Amino acid sequence: MVAARPASVRRAAAAGTLALTVLLSGCSVFQIRTEDKSAGPMRIGVQETAGPEPTGKPTEAGIPKGMTRTSVSFGSSCPVELSFAIGDEWRDSTGSTEQFHVFTHGENSAEADIILVNCTDEYGDSAQEVVDQKRRYNFSKQDSQVIAEQTGSLAAGEFWSYQGELGPTEIMALNKKPTYVFGVQTGYKINGRLVNISIEMRTPKTNTEVAEDFKKMLPTVTIDGEKVPAPSFR
């Protein structure tokens, strides 16, 4: 773009570049969108209202069988804790940084399933503006679509949780192939500052087993102990 990019964009780009270099050596698996582009209309698969309980039968403790709860912190600059359920076969990547955490699953890093957890500064006018921007630009290509979603308020901000499909031309698609994606994007206020706290889970569209695991994992996401509602999965 012609104008200088804001600080939040530069920081997100730097984190994405570091993680990309360390873990994937040039693969497109873990690129992050760092600039606003003209986006086509987003295709919504369901109404923005809560439906029945999401897919996956949690245990009495709220954690699906075979998984444990893990917590991610982002350091003193983003004193917030995000937690979620995850299986033992996932590993915390060496590409992680203080504010950018990467979990991978699978032997081939170029096609591995991936979970990204991130906290970055935002300079918009409100938490709702942050969420609206993420909804506008995360599925920008015509071959990508939101399948199910839910929006709402948290104690310190706003959230958007979603299930979607990224087309091969989408920058965040794994190995330039159709990709299932599940995630939470928030606009969150910390000590008067506005940040974006997010978790995004991606797997190739052919890997339906991992996609089903993501349907169990997304409803377990909490931010500072507050549960983030998941959409009614399709």
C-alpha atoms as a PDB file:
ATOM      1  CA  MET A   1       0.000   0.000   0.000  1.00  0.00           C
ATOM      2  CA  VAL A   2       1.130   3.553  -0.495  1.00  0.00           C
ATOM      3  CA  ALA A   3       0.485   4.830   3.044  1.00  0.00           C
ATOM      4  CA  ALA A   4       2.645   3.645   5.947  1.00  0.00           C
ATOM      5  CA  ARG A   5       1.241   0.649   7.686  1.00  0.00           C
ATOM      6  CA  PRO A   6       0.239   1.013  11.394  1.00  0.00           C
ATOM      7  CA  ALA A   7       2.414  -0.471  14.140  1.00  0.00           C
ATOM      8  CA  SER A   8       0.033  -3.379  14.758  1.00  0.00           C
ATOM      9  CA  VAL A   9       0.423  -4.464  11.157  1.00  0.00           C
ATOM     10  CA  ARG A  10       4.226  -4.271  11.284  1.00  0.00           C
ATOM     11  CA  ARG A  11       4.333  -6.338  14.480  1.00  0.00           C
ATOM     12  CA  ALA A  12       1.991  -8.997  13.125  1.00  0.00           C
ATOM     13  CA  ALA A  13       4.017  -9.193   9.928  1.00  0.00           C
ATOM     14  CA  ALA A  14       7.261  -9.569  11.888  1.00  0.00           C
ATOM     15  CA  ALA A  15       5.855 -12.351  14.053  1.00  0.00           C
ATOM     16  CA  GLY A  16       4.482 -14.194  11.049  1.00  0.00           C
ATOM     17  CA  THR A  17       7.798 -13.880   9.207  1.00  0.00           C
ATOM     18  CA  LEU A  18       9.813 -15.252  12.144  1.00  0.00           C
ATOM     19  CA  ALA A  19       7.545 -18.236  12.634  1.00  0.00           C
ATOM     20  CA  LEU A  20       7.450 -18.947   8.903  1.00  0.00           C
ATOM     21  CA  THR A  21      11.248 -18.950   8.665  1.00  0.00           C
ATOM     22  CA  VAL A  22      11.876 -21.186  11.676  1.00  0.00           C
ATOM     23  CA  LEU A  23       9.229 -23.827  11.131  1.00  0.00           C
ATOM     24  CA  LEU A  24       8.217 -24.057   7.528  1.00  0.00           C
ATOM     25  CA  SER A  25      11.095 -22.690   5.448  1.00  0.00           C
ATOM     26  CA  GLY A  26       9.066 -20.949   2.787  1.00  0.00           C
ATOM     27  CA  CYS A  27       5.833 -22.930   2.925  1.00  0.00           C
ATOM     28  CA  SER A  28       2.598 -20.954   2.839  1.00  0.00           C
ATOM     29  CA  VAL A  29       1.152 -22.903   5.765  1.00  0.00           C
ATOM     30  CA  PHE A  30       1.475 -20.171   8.274  1.00  0.00           C
ATOM     31  CA  GLN A  31       1.134 -16.869   6.629  1.00  0.00           C
ATOM     32  CA  ILE A  32      -0.979 -14.259   8.357  1.00  0.00           C
ATOM     33  CA  ARG A  33      -2.913 -11.563   6.582  1.00  0.00           C
ATOM     34  CA  THR A  34      -1.198  -8.299   7.464  1.00  0.00           C
ATOM     35  CA  GLU A  35      -2.818  -5.746   5.209  1.00  0.00           C
ATOM     36  CA  ASP A  36      -6.313  -4.701   4.320  1.00  0.00           C
ATOM     37  CA  LYS A  37      -7.302  -5.448   0.779  1.00  0.00           C
ATOM     38  CA  SER A  38     -10.427  -4.996  -1.255  1.00  0.00           C
ATOM     39  CA  ALA A  39     -12.576  -7.926  -0.281  1.00  0.00           C
ATOM     40  CA  GLY A  40     -15.518  -9.537  -1.946  1.00  0.00           C
ATOM     41  CA  PRO A  41     -18.712 -10.118   0.021  1.00  0.00           C
ATOM     42  CA  MET A  42     -18.433 -12.840   2.628  1.00  0.00           C
ATOM     43  CA  ARG A  43     -20.782 -15.749   2.219  1.00  0.00           C
ATOM     44  CA  ILE A  44     -22.520 -16.691   5.467  1.00  0.00           C
ATOM     45  CA  GLY A  45     -23.816 -20.211   5.915  1.00  0.00           C
ATOM     46  CA  VAL A  46     -25.979 -19.721   9.014  1.00  0.00           C
ATOM     47  CA  GLN A  47     -27.688 -16.996  10.992  1.00  0.00           C
ATOM     48  CA  GLU A  48     -25.644 -15.104  13.571  1.00  0.00           C
ATOM     49  CA  THR A  49     -27.512 -16.613  16.476  1.00  0.00           C
ATOM     50  CA  ALA A  50     -26.580 -19.296  18.923  1.00  0.00           C
ATOM     51  CA  GLY A  51     -27.993 -22.716  18.100  1.00  0.00           C
ATOM     52  CA  PRO A  52     -27.758 -26.072  19.837  1.00  0.00           C
ATOM     53  CA  GLU A  53     -24.636 -27.200  21.648  1.00  0.00           C
ATOM     54  CA  PRO A  54     -21.668 -27.501  19.256  1.00  0.00           C
ATOM     55  CA  THR A  55     -20.462 -30.840  17.948  1.00  0.00           C
ATOM     56  CA  GLY A  56     -18.431 -32.970  20.349  1.00  0.00           C
ATOM     57  CA  LYS A  57     -19.419 -34.513  23.656  1.00  0.00           C
ATOM     58  CA  PRO A  58     -17.314 -32.992  26.424  1.00  0.00           C
ATOM     59  CA  THR A  59     -16.590 -34.753  29.684  1.00  0.00           C
ATOM     60  CA  GLU A  60     -18.047 -33.451  32.931  1.00  0.00           C
ATOM     61  CA  ALA A  61     -14.985 -31.247  33.282  1.00  0.00           C
ATOM     62  CA  GLY A  62     -15.738 -29.717  29.859  1.00  0.00           C
ATOM     63  CA  ILE A  63     -12.708 -31.283  28.155  1.00  0.00           C
ATOM     64  CA  PRO A  64     -13.277 -33.856  25.361  1.00  0.00           C
ATOM     65  CA  LYS A  65     -12.004 -37.376  25.956  1.00  0.00           C
ATOM     66  CA  GLY A  66      -8.338 -37.799  25.027  1.00  0.00           C
ATOM     67  CA  MET A  67      -7.547 -34.086  25.397  1.00  0.00           C
ATOM     68  CA  THR A  68      -6.205 -31.847  28.151  1.00  0.00           C
ATOM     69  CA  ARG A  69      -6.488 -28.114  28.702  1.00  0.00           C
ATOM     70  CA  THR A  70      -3.465 -26.024  27.793  1.00  0.00           C
ATOM     71  CA  SER A  71      -2.945 -22.344  28.602  1.00  0.00           C
ATOM     72  CA  VAL A  72      -1.102 -19.748  26.541  1.00  0.00           C
ATOM     73  CA  SER A  73       0.187 -16.466  27.939  1.00  0.00           C
ATOM     74  CA  PHE A  74       1.603 -13.573  25.935  1.00  0.00           C
ATOM     75  CA  GLY A  75       4.027 -11.881  28.299  1.00  0.00           C
ATOM     76  CA  SER A  76       3.838  -8.598  30.178  1.00  0.00           C
ATOM     77  CA  SER A  77       2.876  -6.606  27.085  1.00  0.00           C
ATOM     78  CA  CYS A  78      -0.336  -8.637  26.720  1.00  0.00           C
ATOM     79  CA  PRO A  79      -1.226  -9.945  30.211  1.00  0.00           C
ATOM     80  CA  VAL A  80      -4.066 -12.200  29.117  1.00  0.00           C
ATOM     81  CA  GLU A  81      -4.352 -15.993  29.261  1.00  0.00           C
ATOM     82  CA  LEU A  82      -6.033 -18.003  26.520  1.00  0.00           C
ATOM     83  CA  SER A  83      -6.763 -21.684  27.138  1.00  0.00           C
ATOM     84  CA  PHE A  84      -8.223 -24.523  25.086  1.00  0.00           C
ATOM     85  CA  ALA A  85      -8.344 -28.320  24.928  1.00  0.00           C
ATOM     86  CA  ILE A  86      -5.731 -30.104  22.833  1.00  0.00           C
ATOM     87  CA  GLY A  87      -4.579 -33.692  22.247  1.00  0.00           C
ATOM     88  CA  ASP A  88      -1.184 -35.072  23.280  1.00  0.00           C
ATOM     89  CA  GLU A  89      -0.131 -35.523  19.639  1.00  0.00           C
ATOM     90  CA  TRP A  90       0.071 -31.748  19.127  1.00  0.00           C
ATOM     91  CA  ARG A  91       3.394 -30.007  19.820  1.00  0.00           C
ATOM     92  CA  ASP A  92       4.310 -26.435  20.614  1.00  0.00           C
ATOM     93  CA  SER A  93       6.546 -25.352  17.742  1.00  0.00           C
ATOM     94  CA  THR A  94       9.993 -23.812  18.001  1.00  0.00           C
ATOM     95  CA  GLY A  95       8.573 -21.082  15.755  1.00  0.00           C
ATOM     96  CA  SER A  96       6.603 -19.670  18.689  1.00  0.00           C
ATOM     97  CA  THR A  97       7.376 -16.256  20.150  1.00  0.00           C
ATOM     98  CA  GLU A  98       6.085 -14.520  23.261  1.00  0.00           C
ATOM     99  CA  GLN A  99       3.015 -13.135  21.542  1.00  0.00           C
ATOM    100  CA  PHE A 100       2.713 -15.675  18.719  1.00  0.00           C
ATOM    101  CA  HIS A 101       2.296 -19.371  19.553  1.00  0.00           C
ATOM    102  CA  VAL A 102       2.262 -22.192  17.009  1.00  0.00           C
ATOM    103  CA  PHE A 103       1.077 -25.770  17.559  1.00  0.00           C
ATOM    104  CA  THR A 104       1.587 -28.379  14.835  1.00  0.00           C
ATOM    105  CA  HIS A 105       0.404 -31.900  14.183  1.00  0.00           C
ATOM    106  CA  GLY A 106       1.713 -34.280  11.531  1.00  0.00           C
ATOM    107  CA  GLU A 107       5.088 -35.381  10.248  1.00  0.00           C
ATOM    108  CA  ASN A 108       5.259 -33.268   7.095  1.00  0.00           C
ATOM    109  CA  SER A 109       5.545 -29.617   8.124  1.00  0.00           C
ATOM    110  CA  ALA A 110       4.515 -28.464   4.642  1.00  0.00           C
ATOM    111  CA  GLU A 111       1.113 -30.092   5.033  1.00  0.00           C
ATOM    112  CA  ALA A 112       0.820 -30.267   8.821  1.00  0.00           C
ATOM    113  CA  ASP A 113      -2.311 -29.276  10.669  1.00  0.00           C
ATOM    114  CA  ILE A 114      -1.709 -26.058  12.564  1.00  0.00           C
ATOM    115  CA  ILE A 115      -3.064 -23.961  15.432  1.00  0.00           C
ATOM    116  CA  LEU A 116      -2.024 -20.305  15.739  1.00  0.00           C
ATOM    117  CA  VAL A 117      -2.569 -18.308  18.947  1.00  0.00           C
ATOM    118  CA  ASN A 118      -1.777 -14.617  18.788  1.00  0.00           C
ATOM    119  CA  CYS A 119      -1.999 -11.271  20.618  1.00  0.00           C
ATOM    120  CA  THR A 120      -1.257  -8.011  18.786  1.00  0.00           C
ATOM    121  CA  ASP A 121      -1.881  -4.333  19.464  1.00  0.00           C
ATOM    122  CA  GLU A 122      -4.739  -2.647  17.624  1.00  0.00           C
ATOM    123  CA  TYR A 123      -5.290   1.057  17.055  1.00  0.00           C
ATOM    124  CA  GLY A 124      -8.937   1.166  16.018  1.00  0.00           C
ATOM    125  CA  ASP A 125     -11.670   3.098  17.781  1.00  0.00           C
ATOM    126  CA  SER A 126     -13.336   0.116  19.436  1.00  0.00           C
ATOM    127  CA  ALA A 127     -13.261  -3.616  20.083  1.00  0.00           C
ATOM    128  CA  GLN A 128     -16.187  -4.004  17.694  1.00  0.00           C
ATOM    129  CA  GLU A 129     -14.195  -2.343  14.916  1.00  0.00           C
ATOM    130  CA  VAL A 130     -11.416  -4.912  15.376  1.00  0.00           C
ATOM    131  CA  VAL A 131     -13.888  -7.790  15.052  1.00  0.00           C
ATOM    132  CA  ASP A 132     -15.579  -6.223  12.031  1.00  0.00           C
ATOM    133  CA  GLN A 133     -12.235  -5.890  10.234  1.00  0.00           C
ATOM    134  CA  LYS A 134     -11.360  -9.533  10.879  1.00  0.00           C
ATOM    135  CA  ARG A 135     -14.735 -10.671   9.571  1.00  0.00           C
ATOM    136  CA  ARG A 136     -14.263  -8.559   6.453  1.00  0.00           C
ATOM    137  CA  TYR A 137     -10.753  -9.638   5.488  1.00  0.00           C
ATOM    138  CA  ASN A 138     -10.168 -13.171   6.801  1.00  0.00           C
ATOM    139  CA  PHE A 139     -12.216 -14.705   3.952  1.00  0.00           C
ATOM    140  CA  SER A 140     -11.480 -12.338   1.100  1.00  0.00           C
ATOM    141  CA  LYS A 141     -11.312 -14.680  -1.898  1.00  0.00           C
ATOM    142  CA  GLN A 142     -14.286 -15.861  -3.900  1.00  0.00           C
ATOM    143  CA  ASP A 143     -13.410 -19.511  -3.301  1.00  0.00           C
ATOM    144  CA  SER A 144     -13.459 -19.060   0.508  1.00  0.00           C
ATOM    145  CA  GLN A 145     -16.539 -19.064   2.681  1.00  0.00           C
ATOM    146  CA  VAL A 146     -17.767 -18.853   6.253  1.00  0.00           C
ATOM    147  CA  ILE A 147     -19.839 -21.934   7.035  1.00  0.00           C
ATOM    148  CA  ALA A 148     -21.024 -21.033  10.548  1.00  0.00           C
ATOM    149  CA  GLU A 149     -20.337 -18.127  12.882  1.00  0.00           C
ATOM    150  CA  GLN A 150     -21.343 -16.401  16.073  1.00  0.00           C
ATOM    151  CA  THR A 151     -20.611 -12.920  17.407  1.00  0.00           C
ATOM    152  CA  GLY A 152     -21.108 -11.378  20.812  1.00  0.00           C
ATOM    153  CA  SER A 153     -19.629  -9.596  23.798  1.00  0.00           C
ATOM    154  CA  LEU A 154     -17.046 -10.618  26.373  1.00  0.00           C
ATOM    155  CA  ALA A 155     -16.331  -9.019  29.731  1.00  0.00           C
ATOM    156  CA  ALA A 156     -13.537  -6.934  28.178  1.00  0.00           C
ATOM    157  CA  GLY A 157     -14.388  -6.871  24.493  1.00  0.00           C
ATOM    158  CA  GLU A 158     -16.139  -8.425  21.505  1.00  0.00           C
ATOM    159  CA  PHE A 159     -15.688 -11.790  19.773  1.00  0.00           C
ATOM    160  CA  TRP A 160     -16.310 -13.579  16.494  1.00  0.00           C
ATOM    161  CA  SER A 161     -16.123 -17.400  16.449  1.00  0.00           C
ATOM    162  CA  TYR A 162     -16.373 -19.214  13.149  1.00  0.00           C
ATOM    163  CA  GLN A 163     -16.117 -22.334  11.021  1.00  0.00           C
ATOM    164  CA  GLY A 164     -15.040 -21.808   7.439  1.00  0.00           C
ATOM    165  CA  GLU A 165     -13.352 -23.096   4.331  1.00  0.00           C
ATOM    166  CA  LEU A 166     -10.391 -21.396   2.675  1.00  0.00           C
ATOM    167  CA  GLY A 167     -10.060 -21.791  -1.072  1.00  0.00           C
ATOM    168  CA  PRO A 168      -6.724 -22.610  -2.768  1.00  0.00           C
ATOM    169  CA  THR A 169      -6.145 -18.948  -3.673  1.00  0.00           C
ATOM    170  CA  GLU A 170      -6.544 -17.735  -0.078  1.00  0.00           C
ATOM    171  CA  ILE A 171      -3.196 -16.698   1.412  1.00  0.00           C
ATOM    172  CA  MET A 172      -3.859 -18.654   4.620  1.00  0.00           C
ATOM    173  CA  ALA A 173      -4.783 -21.916   2.865  1.00  0.00           C
ATOM    174  CA  LEU A 174      -2.465 -24.832   3.666  1.00  0.00           C
ATOM    175  CA  ASN A 175      -0.156 -25.702   0.775  1.00  0.00           C
ATOM    176  CA  LYS A 176      -2.471 -23.793  -1.600  1.00  0.00           C
ATOM    177  CA  LYS A 177      -5.202 -26.397  -1.179  1.00  0.00           C
ATOM    178  CA  PRO A 178      -8.774 -26.201   0.193  1.00  0.00           C
ATOM    179  CA  THR A 179      -8.483 -25.846   3.963  1.00  0.00           C
ATOM    180  CA  TYR A 180     -10.913 -26.125   6.854  1.00  0.00           C
ATOM    181  CA  VAL A 181     -10.495 -23.374   9.421  1.00  0.00           C
ATOM    182  CA  PHE A 182     -11.998 -22.870  12.884  1.00  0.00           C
ATOM    183  CA  GLY A 183     -11.227 -19.903  15.076  1.00  0.00           C
ATOM    184  CA  VAL A 184     -11.938 -17.025  17.425  1.00  0.00           C
ATOM    185  CA  GLN A 185     -11.071 -13.383  16.770  1.00  0.00           C
ATOM    186  CA  THR A 186     -11.544 -10.767  19.477  1.00  0.00           C
ATOM    187  CA  GLY A 187     -11.211  -7.097  20.076  1.00  0.00           C
ATOM    188  CA  TYR A 188     -10.079  -6.992  23.694  1.00  0.00           C
ATOM    189  CA  LYS A 189      -9.318  -4.157  26.118  1.00  0.00           C
ATOM    190  CA  ILE A 190      -6.349  -4.405  28.492  1.00  0.00           C
ATOM    191  CA  ASN A 191      -5.536  -1.528  30.841  1.00  0.00           C
ATOM    192  CA  GLY A 192      -6.943   0.980  28.390  1.00  0.00           C
ATOM    193  CA  ARG A 193      -5.213  -0.637  25.390  1.00  0.00           C
ATOM    194  CA  LEU A 194      -6.971  -2.377  22.524  1.00  0.00           C
ATOM    195  CA  VAL A 195      -5.583  -5.728  21.334  1.00  0.00           C
ATOM    196  CA  ASN A 196      -6.572  -8.545  19.036  1.00  0.00           C
ATOM    197  CA  ILE A 197      -6.450 -11.952  20.734  1.00  0.00           C
ATOM    198  CA  SER A 198      -7.040 -14.831  18.368  1.00  0.00           C
ATOM    199  CA  ILE A 199      -6.836 -18.579  17.925  1.00  0.00           C
ATOM    200  CA  GLU A 200      -7.045 -20.213  14.509  1.00  0.00           C
ATOM    201  CA  MET A 201      -7.105 -23.944  13.725  1.00  0.00           C
ATOM    202  CA  ARG A 202      -6.423 -25.132  10.167  1.00  0.00           C
ATOM    203  CA  THR A 203      -6.336 -28.524   8.477  1.00  0.00           C
ATOM    204  CA  PRO A 204      -6.508 -29.661   4.824  1.00  0.00           C
ATOM    205  CA  LYS A 205     -10.081 -30.250   3.679  1.00  0.00           C
ATOM    206  CA  THR A 206      -9.228 -33.904   3.100  1.00  0.00           C
ATOM    207  CA  ASN A 207      -8.438 -34.372   6.799  1.00  0.00           C
ATOM    208  CA  THR A 208     -11.967 -34.708   8.137  1.00  0.00           C
ATOM    209  CA  GLU A 209     -10.805 -36.455  11.317  1.00  0.00           C
ATOM    210  CA  VAL A 210      -8.830 -33.435  12.490  1.00  0.00           C
ATOM    211  CA  ALA A 211     -11.689 -31.140  11.454  1.00  0.00           C
ATOM    212  CA  GLU A 212     -13.963 -33.114  13.788  1.00  0.00           C
ATOM    213  CA  ASP A 213     -11.396 -32.664  16.580  1.00  0.00           C
ATOM    214  CA  PHE A 214     -11.438 -28.922  15.956  1.00  0.00           C
ATOM    215  CA  LYS A 215     -15.213 -28.963  16.426  1.00  0.00           C
ATOM    216  CA  LYS A 216     -14.591 -30.360  19.886  1.00  0.00           C
ATOM    217  CA  MET A 217     -11.707 -28.025  20.694  1.00  0.00           C
ATOM    218  CA  LEU A 218     -13.168 -24.666  19.671  1.00  0.00           C
ATOM    219  CA  PRO A 219     -15.985 -24.727  22.294  1.00  0.00           C
ATOM    220  CA  THR A 220     -13.339 -25.098  25.032  1.00  0.00           C
ATOM    221  CA  VAL A 221     -11.625 -21.767  24.270  1.00  0.00           C
ATOM    222  CA  THR A 222     -11.503 -19.362  27.226  1.00  0.00           C
ATOM    223  CA  ILE A 223      -9.952 -15.906  27.562  1.00  0.00           C
ATOM    224  CA  ASP A 224      -8.992 -14.984  31.117  1.00  0.00           C
ATOM    225  CA  GLY A 225     -11.269 -17.810  32.273  1.00  0.00           C
ATOM    226  CA  GLU A 226     -14.287 -16.591  30.285  1.00  0.00           C
ATOM    227  CA  LYS A 227     -15.703 -19.131  27.833  1.00  0.00           C
ATOM    228  CA  VAL A 228     -16.001 -17.900  24.250  1.00  0.00           C
ATOM    229  CA  PRO A 229     -19.203 -19.253  22.644  1.00  0.00           C
ATOM    230  CA  ALA A 230     -18.680 -21.387  19.534  1.00  0.00           C
ATOM    231  CA  PRO A 231     -20.985 -21.395  16.495  1.00  0.00           C
ATOM    232  CA  SER A 232     -23.387 -24.218  15.688  1.00  0.00           C
ATOM    233  CA  PHE A 233     -21.160 -26.275  13.420  1.00  0.00           C
ATOM    234  CA  ARG A 234     -22.307 -27.540  10.018  1.00  0.00           C
END
